[in-house]
C-alpha atoms as a PDB file:
ATOM      1  CA  UNK A   1     -54.493  84.318 109.399  1.00  0.00           C
ATOM      2  CA  UNK A   2     -51.461  86.628 109.405  1.00  0.00           C
ATOM      3  CA  UNK A   3     -48.196  85.541 109.661  1.00  0.00           C
ATOM      4  CA  UNK A   4     -46.016  86.545 113.184  1.00  0.00           C
ATOM      5  CA  UNK A   5     -42.697  86.714 114.126  1.00  0.00           C
ATOM      6  CA  UNK A   6     -41.366  85.097 117.784  1.00  0.00           C
ATOM      7  CA  UNK A   7     -38.361  85.182 119.998  1.00  0.00           C
ATOM      8  CA  UNK A   8     -37.710  82.171 121.705  1.00  0.00           C
ATOM      9  CA  UNK A   9     -34.843  81.561 124.286  1.00  0.00           C
ATOM     10  CA  UNK A  10     -34.929  77.665 125.340  1.00  0.00           C
ATOM     11  CA  UNK A  11     -33.033  76.470 128.391  1.00  0.00           C
ATOM     12  CA  UNK A  12     -32.169  73.118 129.669  1.00  0.00           C
ATOM     13  CA  UNK A  13     -30.089  70.508 127.544  1.00  0.00           C
ATOM     14  CA  UNK A  14     -29.804  72.113 124.007  1.00  0.00           C
ATOM     15  CA  UNK A  15     -26.377  72.459 123.391  1.00  0.00           C
ATOM     16  CA  UNK A  16     -24.457  70.221 121.702  1.00  0.00           C
ATOM     17  CA  UNK A  17     -27.312  67.519 121.187  1.00  0.00           C
ATOM     18  CA  UNK A  18     -28.438  68.851 117.131  1.00  0.00           C
ATOM     19  CA  UNK A  19     -31.083  71.233 118.323  1.00  0.00           C
ATOM     20  CA  UNK A  20     -30.093  73.636 116.659  1.00  0.00           C
ATOM     21  CA  UNK A  21     -29.937  71.499 113.457  1.00  0.00           C
ATOM     22  CA  UNK A  22     -33.484  70.290 114.247  1.00  0.00           C
ATOM     23  CA  UNK A  23     -35.055  73.515 114.462  1.00  0.00           C
ATOM     24  CA  UNK A  24     -34.124  74.607 111.197  1.00  0.00           C
ATOM     25  CA  UNK A  25     -34.689  71.226 109.274  1.00  0.00           C
ATOM     26  CA  UNK A  26     -38.613  71.661 111.332  1.00  0.00           C
ATOM     27  CA  UNK A  27     -38.888  75.180 110.078  1.00  0.00           C
ATOM     28  CA  UNK A  28     -37.675  74.744 106.550  1.00  0.00           C
ATOM     29  CA  UNK A  29     -40.597  71.660 106.395  1.00  0.00           C
ATOM     30  CA  UNK A  30     -42.652  74.086 107.715  1.00  0.00           C
ATOM     31  CA  UNK A  31     -41.812  77.575 105.744  1.00  0.00           C
ATOM     32  CA  UNK A  32     -40.544  78.981 108.616  1.00  0.00           C
ATOM     33  CA  UNK A  33     -38.338  81.936 108.424  1.00  0.00           C
ATOM     34  CA  UNK A  34     -35.946  83.317 110.739  1.00  0.00           C
ATOM     35  CA  UNK A  35     -32.532  82.020 112.514  1.00  0.00           C
ATOM     36  CA  UNK A  36     -31.174  80.233 115.553  1.00  0.00           C
ATOM     37  CA  UNK A  37     -28.224  80.260 117.915  1.00  0.00           C
ATOM     38  CA  UNK A  38     -26.104  78.865 120.948  1.00  0.00           C
ATOM     39  CA  UNK A  39     -25.915  81.920 123.810  1.00  0.00           C
ATOM     40  CA  UNK A  40     -22.786  81.655 126.046  1.00  0.00           C
ATOM     41  CA  UNK A  41     -25.551  80.798 129.007  1.00  0.00           C
ATOM     42  CA  UNK A  42     -26.130  77.230 127.382  1.00  0.00           C
ATOM     43  CA  UNK A  43     -29.369  78.620 126.325  1.00  0.00           C
ATOM     44  CA  UNK A  44     -30.345  78.751 122.307  1.00  0.00           C
ATOM     45  CA  UNK A  45     -32.535  81.782 121.064  1.00  0.00           C
ATOM     46  CA  UNK A  46     -34.383  81.186 118.018  1.00  0.00           C
ATOM     47  CA  UNK A  47     -36.432  83.955 116.096  1.00  0.00           C
ATOM     48  CA  UNK A  48     -39.297  81.947 114.237  1.00  0.00           C
ATOM     49  CA  UNK A  49     -41.447  83.997 111.428  1.00  0.00           C
ATOM     50  CA  UNK A  50     -44.414  82.752 109.606  1.00  0.00           C
ATOM     51  CA  UNK A  51     -47.627  81.741 110.304  1.00  0.00           C
ATOM     52  CA  UNK A  52     -48.468  80.891 114.162  1.00  0.00           C
ATOM     53  CA  UNK A  53     -49.507  76.937 113.751  1.00  0.00           C
ATOM     54  CA  UNK A  54     -46.480  76.634 111.704  1.00  0.00           C
ATOM     55  CA  UNK A  55     -44.877  77.983 114.500  1.00  0.00           C
ATOM     56  CA  UNK A  56     -45.915  76.258 117.488  1.00  0.00           C
ATOM     57  CA  UNK A  57     -44.578  72.672 115.276  1.00  0.00           C
ATOM     58  CA  UNK A  58     -41.136  73.734 115.470  1.00  0.00           C
ATOM     59  CA  UNK A  59     -41.807  74.545 119.270  1.00  0.00           C
ATOM     60  CA  UNK A  60     -43.589  71.037 119.727  1.00  0.00           C
ATOM     61  CA  UNK A  61     -40.563  69.400 117.570  1.00  0.00           C
ATOM     62  CA  UNK A  62     -38.217  71.356 119.594  1.00  0.00           C
ATOM     63  CA  UNK A  63     -39.741  70.171 122.790  1.00  0.00           C
ATOM     64  CA  UNK A  64     -40.091  66.416 121.619  1.00  0.00           C
ATOM     65  CA  UNK A  65     -36.470  66.471 120.677  1.00  0.00           C
ATOM     66  CA  UNK A  66     -35.067  62.760 121.701  1.00  0.00           C
ATOM     67  CA  UNK A  67     -31.691  63.573 122.581  1.00  0.00           C
ATOM     68  CA  UNK A  68     -31.927  66.831 124.530  1.00  0.00           C
ATOM     69  CA  UNK A  69     -34.134  68.188 127.213  1.00  0.00           C
ATOM     70  CA  UNK A  70     -36.358  71.595 127.119  1.00  0.00           C
ATOM     71  CA  UNK A  71     -36.716  72.544 130.942  1.00  0.00           C
ATOM     72  CA  UNK A  72     -38.303  76.228 130.070  1.00  0.00           C
ATOM     73  CA  UNK A  73     -38.809  78.027 127.056  1.00  0.00           C
ATOM     74  CA  UNK A  74     -39.133  82.188 126.474  1.00  0.00           C
ATOM     75  CA  UNK A  75     -41.412  83.491 124.644  1.00  0.00           C
ATOM     76  CA  UNK A  76     -42.088  86.922 123.116  1.00  0.00           C
ATOM     77  CA  UNK A  77     -43.885  88.688 120.030  1.00  0.00           C
ATOM     78  CA  UNK A  78     -41.665  90.237 117.784  1.00  0.00           C
ATOM     79  CA  UNK A  79     -41.930  92.402 114.466  1.00  0.00           C
ATOM     80  CA  UNK A  80     -41.974  91.129 111.132  1.00  0.00           C
ATOM     81  CA  UNK A  81     -38.894  91.369 109.309  1.00  0.00           C
ATOM     82  CA  UNK A  82     -39.782  89.709 106.130  1.00  0.00           C
ATOM     83  CA  UNK A  83     -37.249  86.864 105.604  1.00  0.00           C
ATOM     84  CA  UNK A  84     -37.260  83.922 103.099  1.00  0.00           C
ATOM     85  CA  UNK A  85     -34.967  81.480 104.830  1.00  0.00           C
ATOM     86  CA  UNK A  86     -34.081  79.689 107.955  1.00  0.00           C
ATOM     87  CA  UNK A  87     -30.357  80.010 108.934  1.00  0.00           C
ATOM     88  CA  UNK A  88     -28.584  78.676 111.951  1.00  0.00           C
ATOM     89  CA  UNK A  89     -25.405  81.098 113.455  1.00  0.00           C
END
């Protein structure tokens, strides 16, 4: 299975609840690279690069995040970058 890179935008109660830190922790534990940041409209944007099952596990962990509430997720496949770390922007 080949690596992919996906861009996500999480909508709902996702800012001010530790969401980006959960994303970073979950991604690093799964060997997923990329970044996550808050957007001005209250949503959170994330780019994640890795094996599809690992990225799905990160997204699942975020959807099950106990302090926030993900109402919807926009998702698209984007070109690989080749990063080796996951950062909070």
